[in-house]
Amino acid sequence: MAQLNSVLTASAARTNFYQLLASAIDNLAQYKVNIRGKGNAVIMSEEEFEGWKETLEITSDQKLMKKIKAAEKSQKTYTHQQVKDMLGL
């Protein structure tokens, strides 16, 4: 299987469509497809896409971001068991 560039024309993407999908799913690869004169589209795995959405959701929550920044500054550390206990797991 040939290595694909991360930027492809729509024609190249069509020719290699199943290889693109398999690589996106198996390797979390991302491909930008240039659609002649209309812009670009991206092919990525659902897992990667859901991760991006979750990151955007977290970073758009100002209260949560303040808590994250405060936690980073606190330098506190917890054992795995302590975290499980705090989460009730």
Protein backbone atom coordinates (compact mmCIF):
# COMPACT_ATOMS: atom_id res chain seq x y z
CA MET A 1 0.00 0.00 0.00
CA ALA A 2 1.54 3.32 -1.07
CA GLN A 3 2.06 6.14 1.42
CA LEU A 4 -0.48 8.92 0.86
CA ASN A 5 0.22 12.63 1.17
CA SER A 6 -1.70 14.43 3.88
CA VAL A 7 -3.03 16.89 1.24
CA LEU A 8 -4.78 15.43 -1.79
CA THR A 9 -6.85 16.55 -4.70
CA ALA A 10 -10.45 15.32 -4.75
CA SER A 11 -9.54 13.09 -7.68
CA ALA A 12 -6.66 11.46 -5.77
CA ALA A 13 -8.89 11.06 -2.71
CA ARG A 14 -11.55 9.35 -4.83
CA THR A 15 -8.96 6.98 -6.31
CA ASN A 16 -7.62 6.08 -2.84
CA PHE A 17 -10.85 6.46 -0.86
CA TYR A 18 -10.82 3.11 0.98
CA GLN A 19 -7.10 3.46 1.77
CA LEU A 20 -7.78 6.95 3.18
CA LEU A 21 -10.59 5.65 5.37
CA ALA A 22 -8.56 2.70 6.63
CA SER A 23 -5.57 4.91 7.43
CA ALA A 24 -7.75 7.49 9.19
CA ILE A 25 -9.35 4.79 11.34
CA ASP A 26 -6.33 2.57 12.01
CA ASN A 27 -3.61 5.23 12.32
CA LEU A 28 -5.63 8.31 13.35
CA ALA A 29 -4.30 9.95 10.18
CA GLN A 30 -5.89 13.15 8.89
CA TYR A 31 -6.19 14.09 5.24
CA LYS A 32 -7.01 17.44 3.69
CA VAL A 33 -8.82 17.10 0.38
CA ASN A 34 -8.69 20.07 -1.98
CA ILE A 35 -11.89 20.44 -3.92
CA ARG A 36 -11.08 22.43 -7.05
CA GLY A 37 -11.91 26.06 -6.36
CA LYS A 38 -14.31 25.29 -3.50
CA GLY A 39 -11.91 24.94 -0.59
CA ASN A 40 -10.85 21.97 1.48
CA ALA A 41 -12.47 19.14 3.39
CA VAL A 42 -10.89 16.91 6.03
CA ILE A 43 -11.06 13.14 6.43
CA MET A 44 -10.35 11.84 9.94
CA SER A 45 -11.53 9.04 12.19
CA GLU A 46 -14.64 9.44 14.31
CA GLU A 47 -12.47 8.87 17.39
CA GLU A 48 -10.22 11.80 16.44
CA PHE A 49 -13.23 13.99 15.57
CA GLU A 50 -14.92 13.28 18.91
CA GLY A 51 -11.68 14.17 20.70
CA TRP A 52 -11.53 17.52 18.89
CA LYS A 53 -15.16 18.25 19.79
CA GLU A 54 -14.54 17.41 23.44
CA THR A 55 -11.46 19.64 23.53
CA LEU A 56 -13.45 22.53 22.06
CA GLU A 57 -16.21 21.98 24.60
CA ILE A 58 -13.75 22.01 27.50
CA THR A 59 -11.81 25.05 26.31
CA SER A 60 -14.99 27.03 25.74
CA ASP A 61 -16.13 26.50 29.35
CA GLN A 62 -14.56 29.45 31.21
CA LYS A 63 -15.28 28.08 34.70
CA LEU A 64 -13.74 24.72 33.88
CA MET A 65 -10.68 26.34 32.30
CA LYS A 66 -10.14 28.44 35.45
CA LYS A 67 -10.27 25.25 37.53
CA ILE A 68 -7.83 23.51 35.20
CA LYS A 69 -5.39 26.43 35.34
CA ALA A 70 -5.66 26.58 39.14
CA ALA A 71 -5.02 22.84 39.36
CA GLU A 72 -1.95 23.18 37.13
CA LYS A 73 -0.56 25.87 39.44
CA SER A 74 -1.31 23.96 42.66
CA GLN A 75 1.30 21.26 41.94
CA LYS A 76 -0.82 18.74 43.91
CA THR A 77 -0.44 15.13 42.96
CA TYR A 78 -2.71 12.17 43.65
CA THR A 79 -2.27 8.45 43.41
CA HIS A 80 -4.37 6.47 40.98
CA GLN A 81 -6.35 5.06 43.90
CA GLN A 82 -7.01 8.53 45.32
CA VAL A 83 -8.41 9.68 41.98
CA LYS A 84 -10.62 6.58 41.76
CA ASP A 85 -11.88 7.24 45.30
CA MET A 86 -12.63 10.89 44.49
CA LEU A 87 -14.57 9.85 41.40
CA GLY A 88 -16.37 7.09 43.26
CA LEU A 89 -15.00 4.33 41.04
